[in-house]
N, C-alpha and C. Protein backbone atom coordinates (compact mmCIF):
# COMPACT_ATOMS: atom_id res chain seq x y z
N UNK A 1 -12.39 7.83 14.76
CA UNK A 1 -11.47 7.43 15.85
C UNK A 1 -11.99 6.53 16.84
N UNK A 2 -13.19 6.98 17.21
CA UNK A 2 -13.94 6.16 18.26
C UNK A 2 -14.00 4.67 17.75
N UNK A 3 -14.44 4.52 16.65
CA UNK A 3 -14.69 3.07 16.14
C UNK A 3 -13.36 2.33 16.23
N UNK A 4 -12.16 2.94 15.73
CA UNK A 4 -10.99 2.24 15.60
C UNK A 4 -10.58 1.95 17.09
N UNK A 5 -10.43 2.86 17.93
CA UNK A 5 -9.90 2.57 19.34
C UNK A 5 -10.85 1.69 20.11
N UNK A 6 -12.09 1.74 19.84
CA UNK A 6 -13.14 0.80 20.54
C UNK A 6 -12.80 -0.67 20.40
N UNK A 7 -12.36 -0.99 19.25
CA UNK A 7 -12.04 -2.38 18.92
C UNK A 7 -10.93 -2.89 19.91
N UNK A 8 -9.94 -2.03 20.21
CA UNK A 8 -8.81 -2.41 20.95
C UNK A 8 -8.87 -2.12 22.28
N UNK A 9 -9.58 -0.95 22.74
CA UNK A 9 -9.55 -0.50 24.16
C UNK A 9 -10.82 -0.82 24.91
N UNK A 10 -11.88 -1.38 24.23
CA UNK A 10 -12.96 -1.57 24.96
C UNK A 10 -13.63 -0.40 25.40
N UNK A 11 -13.85 0.53 24.46
CA UNK A 11 -14.54 1.89 24.81
C UNK A 11 -16.03 1.84 24.83
N UNK A 12 -16.70 2.46 25.59
CA UNK A 12 -18.10 2.65 25.52
C UNK A 12 -18.50 4.17 25.49
N UNK A 13 -19.44 4.53 24.66
CA UNK A 13 -19.93 5.86 24.76
C UNK A 13 -20.68 5.99 25.99
N UNK A 14 -20.64 7.41 26.57
CA UNK A 14 -21.40 7.82 27.62
C UNK A 14 -22.81 7.50 27.37
N UNK A 15 -23.62 7.28 28.41
CA UNK A 15 -25.17 6.99 28.18
C UNK A 15 -25.95 8.16 28.06
N UNK A 16 -25.38 9.43 28.36
CA UNK A 16 -26.30 10.63 28.21
C UNK A 16 -25.62 11.56 27.43
N UNK A 17 -26.28 12.43 26.87
CA UNK A 17 -25.94 13.60 26.10
C UNK A 17 -26.06 13.31 24.61
N UNK A 18 -26.61 14.36 23.85
CA UNK A 18 -26.86 14.12 22.50
C UNK A 18 -25.60 13.72 21.72
N UNK A 19 -24.51 14.40 21.95
CA UNK A 19 -23.30 14.14 21.25
C UNK A 19 -22.92 12.57 21.41
N UNK A 20 -22.97 12.05 22.70
CA UNK A 20 -22.72 10.74 22.94
C UNK A 20 -23.58 9.78 22.20
N UNK A 21 -24.80 10.10 22.20
CA UNK A 21 -25.79 9.33 21.43
C UNK A 21 -25.53 9.22 19.99
N UNK A 22 -25.06 10.37 19.46
CA UNK A 22 -24.78 10.47 17.91
C UNK A 22 -23.64 9.65 17.78
N UNK A 23 -22.55 9.82 18.64
CA UNK A 23 -21.32 9.00 18.53
C UNK A 23 -21.72 7.37 18.50
N UNK A 24 -22.49 7.07 19.28
CA UNK A 24 -22.81 5.57 19.29
C UNK A 24 -23.70 5.21 17.92
N UNK A 25 -24.52 6.19 17.57
CA UNK A 25 -25.31 5.96 16.35
C UNK A 25 -24.40 5.78 15.20
N UNK A 26 -23.43 6.65 15.04
CA UNK A 26 -22.61 6.59 13.93
C UNK A 26 -21.63 5.25 14.01
N UNK A 27 -21.32 4.72 15.22
CA UNK A 27 -20.48 3.66 15.24
C UNK A 27 -21.27 2.39 14.82
N UNK A 28 -22.58 2.44 15.29
CA UNK A 28 -23.45 1.28 14.75
C UNK A 28 -23.69 1.30 13.26
N UNK A 29 -23.84 2.50 12.72
CA UNK A 29 -24.16 2.74 11.30
C UNK A 29 -22.88 2.35 10.41
N UNK A 30 -21.69 2.42 11.01
CA UNK A 30 -20.51 2.13 10.34
C UNK A 30 -19.93 0.73 10.66
N UNK A 31 -20.78 -0.17 11.19
CA UNK A 31 -20.59 -1.51 11.32
C UNK A 31 -19.50 -1.94 12.31
N UNK A 32 -19.19 -1.05 13.39
CA UNK A 32 -18.15 -1.26 14.20
C UNK A 32 -18.73 -1.56 15.68
N UNK A 33 -19.96 -1.46 15.70
CA UNK A 33 -20.73 -1.78 17.13
C UNK A 33 -22.02 -2.26 16.92
N UNK A 34 -22.45 -3.12 17.82
CA UNK A 34 -23.73 -3.63 17.70
C UNK A 34 -24.75 -2.97 18.55
N UNK A 35 -26.06 -2.85 18.04
CA UNK A 35 -26.96 -2.24 18.75
C UNK A 35 -27.68 -3.33 19.60
N UNK A 36 -27.81 -3.14 20.93
CA UNK A 36 -28.19 -4.16 21.85
C UNK A 36 -29.54 -3.89 22.61
N UNK A 37 -29.99 -2.69 22.55
CA UNK A 37 -31.14 -2.42 23.23
C UNK A 37 -31.55 -0.95 23.23
N UNK A 38 -32.75 -0.65 23.68
CA UNK A 38 -33.17 0.67 23.92
C UNK A 38 -33.76 0.99 25.36
N UNK A 39 -33.67 2.07 25.72
CA UNK A 39 -34.29 2.42 27.23
C UNK A 39 -35.70 2.28 27.02
N UNK A 40 -36.37 2.28 28.18
CA UNK A 40 -37.85 2.15 28.35
C UNK A 40 -38.54 3.23 27.41
N UNK A 41 -38.03 4.43 27.57
CA UNK A 41 -38.64 5.62 26.89
C UNK A 41 -38.18 5.85 25.38
N UNK A 42 -37.31 5.00 25.02
CA UNK A 42 -36.73 5.16 23.76
C UNK A 42 -35.78 6.18 23.42
N UNK A 43 -35.44 6.99 24.58
CA UNK A 43 -34.61 8.05 24.36
C UNK A 43 -33.06 7.63 24.23
N UNK A 44 -32.68 6.55 24.78
CA UNK A 44 -31.37 6.11 24.72
C UNK A 44 -31.24 4.72 23.98
N UNK A 45 -30.30 4.34 23.42
CA UNK A 45 -30.06 3.00 22.93
C UNK A 45 -28.65 2.56 23.36
N UNK A 46 -28.53 1.24 23.58
CA UNK A 46 -27.38 0.61 24.06
C UNK A 46 -26.50 -0.12 23.01
N UNK A 47 -25.36 0.02 22.95
CA UNK A 47 -24.52 -0.52 22.04
C UNK A 47 -23.30 -1.36 22.63
N UNK A 48 -22.66 -2.10 21.89
CA UNK A 48 -21.67 -2.96 22.43
C UNK A 48 -20.61 -3.03 21.27
N UNK A 49 -19.31 -3.01 21.63
CA UNK A 49 -18.24 -3.40 20.64
C UNK A 49 -17.89 -4.85 20.78
N UNK A 50 -18.17 -5.57 19.77
CA UNK A 50 -17.90 -6.98 19.83
C UNK A 50 -16.47 -7.38 19.93
N UNK A 51 -16.09 -8.53 20.46
CA UNK A 51 -14.82 -8.92 20.60
C UNK A 51 -14.45 -9.79 19.26
N UNK A 52 -14.03 -8.95 18.36
CA UNK A 52 -13.67 -9.58 17.06
C UNK A 52 -12.28 -9.40 16.70
N UNK A 53 -11.44 -10.54 16.76
CA UNK A 53 -9.92 -10.27 16.76
C UNK A 53 -9.67 -9.68 15.36
N UNK A 54 -10.32 -9.98 14.23
CA UNK A 54 -9.92 -9.34 12.98
C UNK A 54 -10.24 -7.85 12.87
N UNK A 55 -11.24 -7.41 13.62
CA UNK A 55 -11.39 -5.95 13.78
C UNK A 55 -10.36 -5.36 14.61
N UNK A 56 -9.96 -5.99 15.59
CA UNK A 56 -8.83 -5.58 16.55
C UNK A 56 -7.53 -5.40 15.76
N UNK A 57 -7.27 -6.39 14.93
CA UNK A 57 -6.07 -6.36 14.18
C UNK A 57 -6.14 -5.38 12.93
N UNK A 58 -7.33 -5.24 12.45
CA UNK A 58 -7.52 -4.06 11.49
C UNK A 58 -7.27 -2.68 12.09
N UNK A 59 -7.75 -2.60 13.32
CA UNK A 59 -7.62 -1.30 14.15
C UNK A 59 -6.12 -1.08 14.34
N UNK A 60 -5.40 -2.14 14.71
CA UNK A 60 -4.02 -2.00 15.06
C UNK A 60 -3.19 -1.52 13.80
N UNK A 61 -3.56 -2.11 12.68
CA UNK A 61 -2.95 -1.83 11.41
C UNK A 61 -3.16 -0.33 11.07
N UNK A 62 -4.43 0.22 11.34
CA UNK A 62 -4.60 1.59 10.98
C UNK A 62 -3.81 2.36 11.93
N UNK A 63 -3.76 2.07 13.20
CA UNK A 63 -3.10 2.81 14.22
C UNK A 63 -1.46 2.93 13.95
N UNK A 64 -0.99 1.72 13.51
CA UNK A 64 0.49 1.69 13.24
C UNK A 64 1.00 1.71 11.87
N UNK A 65 0.23 1.37 10.92
CA UNK A 65 0.67 1.09 9.56
C UNK A 65 -0.01 2.01 8.55
N UNK A 66 -0.59 3.10 9.02
CA UNK A 66 -1.40 3.89 8.25
C UNK A 66 -0.53 4.91 7.34
N UNK A 67 0.66 4.89 7.50
CA UNK A 67 1.52 5.71 6.62
C UNK A 67 1.59 7.14 7.06
N UNK A 68 0.96 7.46 8.26
CA UNK A 68 1.08 8.75 8.82
C UNK A 68 1.85 8.95 9.93
N UNK A 69 2.92 9.65 9.97
CA UNK A 69 3.77 9.65 11.15
C UNK A 69 2.94 10.28 12.51
N UNK A 70 3.26 9.56 13.50
CA UNK A 70 2.45 10.08 14.88
C UNK A 70 0.99 9.85 14.74
N UNK A 71 0.51 8.94 13.87
CA UNK A 71 -0.80 8.65 13.88
C UNK A 71 -1.44 8.12 15.42
N UNK A 72 -0.59 7.16 15.94
CA UNK A 72 -0.98 6.69 17.23
C UNK A 72 -1.11 7.86 18.29
N UNK A 73 -0.01 8.62 18.25
CA UNK A 73 0.00 9.78 19.17
C UNK A 73 -1.34 10.71 18.95
N UNK A 74 -1.62 10.96 17.72
CA UNK A 74 -2.81 11.89 17.32
C UNK A 74 -3.94 11.18 17.67
N UNK A 75 -4.05 9.80 17.52
CA UNK A 75 -5.32 9.10 17.95
C UNK A 75 -5.49 9.14 19.44
N UNK A 76 -4.49 8.94 20.29
CA UNK A 76 -4.60 8.94 21.65
C UNK A 76 -4.93 10.46 22.24
N UNK A 77 -4.42 11.41 21.55
CA UNK A 77 -4.84 12.92 21.89
C UNK A 77 -6.24 12.97 21.55
N UNK A 78 -6.74 12.57 20.40
CA UNK A 78 -8.19 12.71 20.06
C UNK A 78 -8.95 11.99 21.19
N UNK A 79 -8.53 10.76 21.55
CA UNK A 79 -9.28 10.03 22.66
C UNK A 79 -9.41 10.92 23.93
N UNK A 80 -8.23 11.43 24.42
CA UNK A 80 -8.16 12.06 25.58
C UNK A 80 -8.99 13.49 25.51
N UNK A 81 -8.59 14.29 24.54
CA UNK A 81 -9.20 15.70 24.58
C UNK A 81 -10.69 15.63 23.93
N UNK A 82 -10.78 15.04 22.82
CA UNK A 82 -12.17 15.11 22.15
C UNK A 82 -13.23 14.14 22.64
N UNK A 83 -12.81 12.96 23.19
CA UNK A 83 -13.67 12.02 23.63
C UNK A 83 -13.93 11.79 25.12
N UNK A 84 -12.84 11.87 25.76
CA UNK A 84 -12.92 11.60 27.35
C UNK A 84 -13.23 12.94 27.95
N UNK A 85 -12.38 14.06 27.52
CA UNK A 85 -12.56 15.31 28.25
C UNK A 85 -13.95 15.84 27.91
N UNK A 86 -14.56 15.55 26.88
CA UNK A 86 -15.85 16.17 26.49
C UNK A 86 -16.88 15.22 27.06
N UNK A 87 -16.61 14.12 27.70
CA UNK A 87 -17.52 13.34 28.40
C UNK A 87 -18.35 12.39 27.46
N UNK A 88 -17.82 12.18 26.27
CA UNK A 88 -18.44 11.35 25.33
C UNK A 88 -18.07 9.80 25.53
N UNK A 89 -17.01 9.51 26.24
CA UNK A 89 -16.56 8.04 26.41
C UNK A 89 -16.47 7.78 28.00
N UNK A 90 -16.95 6.69 28.40
CA UNK A 90 -16.94 6.26 29.79
C UNK A 90 -15.43 5.95 29.93
N UNK A 91 -14.88 6.44 31.07
CA UNK A 91 -13.46 6.24 31.34
C UNK A 91 -13.36 5.17 32.42
N UNK A 92 -14.35 4.80 33.11
CA UNK A 92 -14.27 3.91 34.20
C UNK A 92 -13.71 4.42 35.41
N UNK A 93 -13.65 3.57 36.40
CA UNK A 93 -13.09 4.04 37.80
C UNK A 93 -11.80 3.77 37.88
N UNK A 94 -10.98 4.50 38.77
CA UNK A 94 -9.50 4.16 39.13
C UNK A 94 -8.70 3.91 37.84
N UNK A 95 -8.88 4.72 36.80
CA UNK A 95 -8.01 4.66 35.73
C UNK A 95 -7.91 3.41 34.94
N UNK A 96 -9.00 2.72 34.91
CA UNK A 96 -9.08 1.52 34.03
C UNK A 96 -8.79 1.75 32.52
N UNK A 97 -9.21 2.76 31.97
CA UNK A 97 -8.98 3.08 30.64
C UNK A 97 -7.43 3.37 30.41
N UNK A 98 -6.90 4.16 31.30
CA UNK A 98 -5.41 4.40 31.20
C UNK A 98 -4.62 3.24 31.17
N UNK A 99 -4.98 2.30 32.10
CA UNK A 99 -4.21 1.02 32.20
C UNK A 99 -4.28 0.33 30.94
N UNK A 100 -5.57 0.14 30.45
CA UNK A 100 -5.75 -0.56 29.11
C UNK A 100 -4.83 0.07 28.00
N UNK A 101 -4.90 1.30 28.04
CA UNK A 101 -3.92 1.86 26.96
C UNK A 101 -2.55 1.62 27.20
N UNK A 102 -2.06 1.84 28.25
CA UNK A 102 -0.51 1.64 28.71
C UNK A 102 -0.22 0.21 28.26
N UNK A 103 -0.98 -0.80 28.77
CA UNK A 103 -0.57 -2.19 28.48
C UNK A 103 -0.62 -2.51 27.07
N UNK A 104 -1.70 -2.06 26.44
CA UNK A 104 -1.87 -2.41 24.99
C UNK A 104 -0.75 -1.84 24.02
N UNK A 105 -0.40 -0.50 24.39
CA UNK A 105 0.51 0.24 23.64
C UNK A 105 2.05 -0.46 23.86
N UNK A 106 2.17 -0.79 25.16
CA UNK A 106 3.60 -1.54 25.45
C UNK A 106 3.59 -2.84 24.62
N UNK A 107 2.51 -3.58 24.70
CA UNK A 107 2.59 -4.87 23.99
C UNK A 107 2.83 -4.60 22.51
N UNK A 108 2.14 -3.62 21.96
CA UNK A 108 2.20 -3.44 20.58
C UNK A 108 3.66 -2.93 20.17
N UNK A 109 4.29 -2.15 20.97
CA UNK A 109 5.68 -1.82 20.74
C UNK A 109 6.64 -2.75 20.98
N UNK A 110 6.31 -3.85 21.61
CA UNK A 110 7.18 -4.99 21.81
C UNK A 110 7.15 -5.91 20.63
N UNK A 111 6.06 -5.88 19.79
CA UNK A 111 5.72 -6.75 18.64
C UNK A 111 6.91 -6.52 17.68
N UNK A 112 7.33 -7.48 17.08
CA UNK A 112 8.47 -7.50 15.88
C UNK A 112 7.73 -6.80 14.83
N UNK A 113 8.70 -6.11 14.02
CA UNK A 113 8.29 -5.26 12.87
C UNK A 113 9.00 -5.96 11.58
N UNK A 114 8.19 -5.87 10.59
CA UNK A 114 8.78 -6.29 9.29
C UNK A 114 8.31 -5.26 8.29
N UNK A 115 8.46 -5.46 6.91
CA UNK A 115 8.08 -4.59 5.83
C UNK A 115 6.57 -4.25 5.92
N UNK A 116 5.75 -5.16 6.45
CA UNK A 116 4.29 -4.88 6.44
C UNK A 116 3.85 -4.19 7.75
N UNK A 117 4.67 -3.94 8.61
CA UNK A 117 4.45 -3.19 9.96
C UNK A 117 4.54 -4.23 11.32
N UNK A 118 3.83 -3.84 12.15
CA UNK A 118 3.97 -4.64 13.48
C UNK A 118 3.17 -5.90 13.38
N UNK A 119 3.73 -6.91 13.77
CA UNK A 119 3.00 -8.20 13.71
C UNK A 119 2.59 -8.38 15.16
N UNK A 120 1.31 -7.98 15.14
CA UNK A 120 0.42 -8.02 16.35
C UNK A 120 -0.02 -9.42 16.75
N UNK A 121 0.13 -10.46 15.87
CA UNK A 121 -0.48 -11.80 16.23
C UNK A 121 0.68 -12.58 16.92
N UNK A 122 1.88 -12.32 16.72
CA UNK A 122 3.08 -13.00 17.32
C UNK A 122 3.07 -12.83 18.80
N UNK A 123 3.15 -13.81 19.69
CA UNK A 123 3.48 -13.69 21.06
C UNK A 123 4.79 -12.91 21.28
N UNK A 124 4.75 -12.23 22.35
CA UNK A 124 6.01 -11.41 22.68
C UNK A 124 6.66 -11.92 24.00
N UNK A 125 7.89 -11.94 24.20
CA UNK A 125 8.58 -12.33 25.38
C UNK A 125 8.02 -11.44 26.55
N UNK A 126 7.64 -12.07 27.70
CA UNK A 126 7.16 -11.31 28.79
C UNK A 126 8.23 -10.32 29.35
N UNK A 127 9.32 -10.58 29.46
CA UNK A 127 10.45 -9.70 29.87
C UNK A 127 10.65 -8.60 28.91
N UNK A 128 10.49 -8.78 27.49
CA UNK A 128 10.61 -7.73 26.65
C UNK A 128 9.49 -6.77 26.79
N UNK A 129 8.21 -7.42 27.06
CA UNK A 129 7.03 -6.56 27.35
C UNK A 129 7.23 -5.65 28.48
N UNK A 130 7.69 -6.30 29.65
CA UNK A 130 7.87 -5.41 30.61
C UNK A 130 9.03 -4.36 30.62
N UNK A 131 10.01 -4.65 29.85
CA UNK A 131 11.07 -3.74 29.58
C UNK A 131 10.42 -2.49 28.79
N UNK A 132 9.56 -2.90 27.97
CA UNK A 132 8.95 -1.78 27.01
C UNK A 132 7.85 -1.13 27.91
N UNK A 133 7.21 -1.76 28.67
CA UNK A 133 6.18 -1.06 29.61
C UNK A 133 6.82 -0.07 30.56
N UNK A 134 7.89 -0.57 31.17
CA UNK A 134 8.46 0.31 32.04
C UNK A 134 9.71 1.24 31.51
N UNK A 135 9.96 1.05 30.28
CA UNK A 135 10.86 2.04 29.49
C UNK A 135 12.42 1.70 29.80
N UNK A 136 12.69 0.62 30.43
CA UNK A 136 14.17 0.35 30.74
C UNK A 136 14.17 -1.19 31.23
N UNK A 137 15.33 -1.61 31.37
CA UNK A 137 15.59 -3.02 31.85
C UNK A 137 15.96 -2.98 33.41
N UNK A 138 15.82 -1.79 34.06
CA UNK A 138 16.28 -1.68 35.36
C UNK A 138 15.11 -1.92 36.45
N UNK A 139 13.91 -2.08 35.88
CA UNK A 139 12.81 -2.32 36.79
C UNK A 139 12.86 -3.39 37.78
N UNK A 140 13.61 -4.47 37.45
CA UNK A 140 13.84 -5.62 38.38
C UNK A 140 14.82 -5.41 39.40
N UNK A 141 15.79 -4.26 39.22
CA UNK A 141 16.82 -4.04 40.05
C UNK A 141 17.84 -5.12 40.02
N UNK A 142 18.38 -5.45 41.15
CA UNK A 142 19.38 -6.47 41.37
C UNK A 142 18.89 -7.92 41.21
N UNK A 143 17.58 -8.06 41.14
CA UNK A 143 16.94 -9.28 40.85
C UNK A 143 16.65 -9.73 39.43
N UNK A 144 17.27 -8.89 38.44
CA UNK A 144 16.92 -9.05 37.10
C UNK A 144 17.45 -10.51 36.58
N UNK A 145 18.47 -10.91 36.99
CA UNK A 145 18.88 -12.34 36.67
C UNK A 145 17.98 -13.37 37.01
N UNK A 146 17.33 -13.18 38.14
CA UNK A 146 16.34 -14.04 38.61
C UNK A 146 15.14 -14.12 37.75
N UNK A 147 14.73 -12.86 37.40
CA UNK A 147 13.63 -12.81 36.60
C UNK A 147 13.78 -13.32 35.18
N UNK A 148 15.13 -13.17 34.64
CA UNK A 148 15.58 -13.66 33.42
C UNK A 148 15.49 -15.21 33.45
N UNK A 149 15.89 -15.84 34.49
CA UNK A 149 15.91 -17.38 34.69
C UNK A 149 14.51 -17.88 34.67
N UNK A 150 13.66 -17.15 35.63
CA UNK A 150 12.31 -17.66 35.82
C UNK A 150 11.41 -17.49 34.54
N UNK A 151 11.58 -16.53 33.81
CA UNK A 151 10.55 -16.09 32.79
C UNK A 151 11.20 -16.15 31.34
N UNK A 152 12.26 -16.77 31.14
CA UNK A 152 13.06 -16.85 29.93
C UNK A 152 12.17 -17.40 28.82
N UNK A 153 11.30 -18.28 29.18
CA UNK A 153 10.32 -18.80 28.14
C UNK A 153 8.95 -18.57 28.28
N UNK A 154 8.64 -17.43 28.92
CA UNK A 154 7.22 -16.90 29.15
C UNK A 154 6.91 -15.86 28.11
N UNK A 155 5.63 -16.04 27.45
CA UNK A 155 5.43 -15.10 26.42
C UNK A 155 3.91 -14.69 26.82
N UNK A 156 3.56 -13.34 26.37
CA UNK A 156 2.12 -12.90 26.24
C UNK A 156 1.67 -12.61 24.97
N UNK A 157 0.44 -12.55 24.90
CA UNK A 157 -0.11 -12.22 23.51
C UNK A 157 -1.58 -11.79 23.87
N UNK A 158 -1.90 -10.59 23.38
CA UNK A 158 -3.25 -10.04 23.49
C UNK A 158 -3.28 -8.87 22.46
N UNK A 159 -4.48 -8.73 21.95
CA UNK A 159 -4.67 -7.77 20.75
C UNK A 159 -5.71 -6.67 21.15
N UNK A 160 -6.60 -6.96 22.10
CA UNK A 160 -7.68 -6.08 22.52
C UNK A 160 -8.15 -6.47 23.82
N UNK A 161 -9.09 -5.56 24.48
CA UNK A 161 -9.56 -5.82 25.72
C UNK A 161 -11.11 -6.18 25.43
N UNK A 162 -11.70 -6.89 26.33
CA UNK A 162 -13.08 -7.21 26.22
C UNK A 162 -13.71 -7.08 27.72
N UNK A 163 -14.87 -6.73 27.57
CA UNK A 163 -15.69 -6.62 29.07
C UNK A 163 -16.47 -7.94 29.24
N UNK A 164 -16.21 -8.39 30.38
CA UNK A 164 -17.01 -9.72 30.60
C UNK A 164 -17.67 -9.59 31.96
N UNK A 165 -18.88 -10.17 31.95
CA UNK A 165 -19.53 -10.06 33.23
C UNK A 165 -19.33 -11.22 34.09
N UNK A 166 -18.70 -12.40 33.49
CA UNK A 166 -18.43 -13.50 34.31
C UNK A 166 -17.10 -13.23 35.10
N UNK A 167 -17.33 -13.70 36.46
CA UNK A 167 -16.10 -13.47 37.40
C UNK A 167 -14.99 -14.53 36.88
N UNK A 168 -13.75 -14.01 37.32
CA UNK A 168 -12.58 -14.93 36.99
C UNK A 168 -12.70 -16.16 38.03
N UNK A 169 -12.22 -17.29 37.57
CA UNK A 169 -12.35 -18.45 38.48
C UNK A 169 -11.38 -18.18 39.82
N UNK A 170 -11.84 -18.68 40.83
CA UNK A 170 -11.02 -18.44 42.13
C UNK A 170 -9.76 -19.32 41.99
N UNK A 171 -9.80 -20.47 41.50
CA UNK A 171 -8.58 -21.34 41.14
C UNK A 171 -8.20 -21.21 39.71
N UNK A 172 -7.12 -20.78 39.26
CA UNK A 172 -6.85 -20.90 37.94
C UNK A 172 -6.80 -22.22 37.30
N UNK A 173 -7.25 -22.45 36.17
CA UNK A 173 -6.98 -23.75 35.51
C UNK A 173 -5.68 -23.94 34.95
N UNK A 174 -5.33 -25.26 34.60
CA UNK A 174 -3.85 -25.47 34.20
C UNK A 174 -3.68 -24.65 32.99
C-alpha cells in the first residue's frame, strides 16, 4: 500500500525506527523507490519516490480500477491507521499530507469514467474540480455566475505530487 500511495501522494518513510526502515527497504526492493544514500554510521538509508507519471497512472489504476469495491477507502484507512498513526510515514507540518490527499482524490473523482475506468490523463474543468472538492455547487454563493463566466474555459490536470527543493518563481511565467 505504501508503494502504491507513494507514487501519487509523495509519501516518505519516517527516518527512524526499525519498521520504517523495513518499509523503505521493501519499497526499494519492489522497484517503487530509489535508494539515494546512507547515514554516516550506516544505520539509516535514504530513499526517494521518483516522479514517474506512468507509475502514478498505474497507482491510480490500482486504486480505482482494481475491481474491489471500496479499495480507495481501504487504502486511505491503511495509510491513516497503519502508516501515519504508527509513525511509519512522515505526515509533514500543517496537514500537508491531508491537503495532498483531498486535492488528488477530488481531481480523480472529477475525471471522466469509461469502460476502462477513470481517465486520469484527461484535464478536468476547474469549476467541476472545485464542485467535487467542496461537495456542492454552492461554494461560490451568489457569485457563481461570475465564476462560471471567468473560468468557463479553465482546466486543471495533475496525477501526483512531487517534492522540489527549488523555490517557486516570484513572478509567474506566461
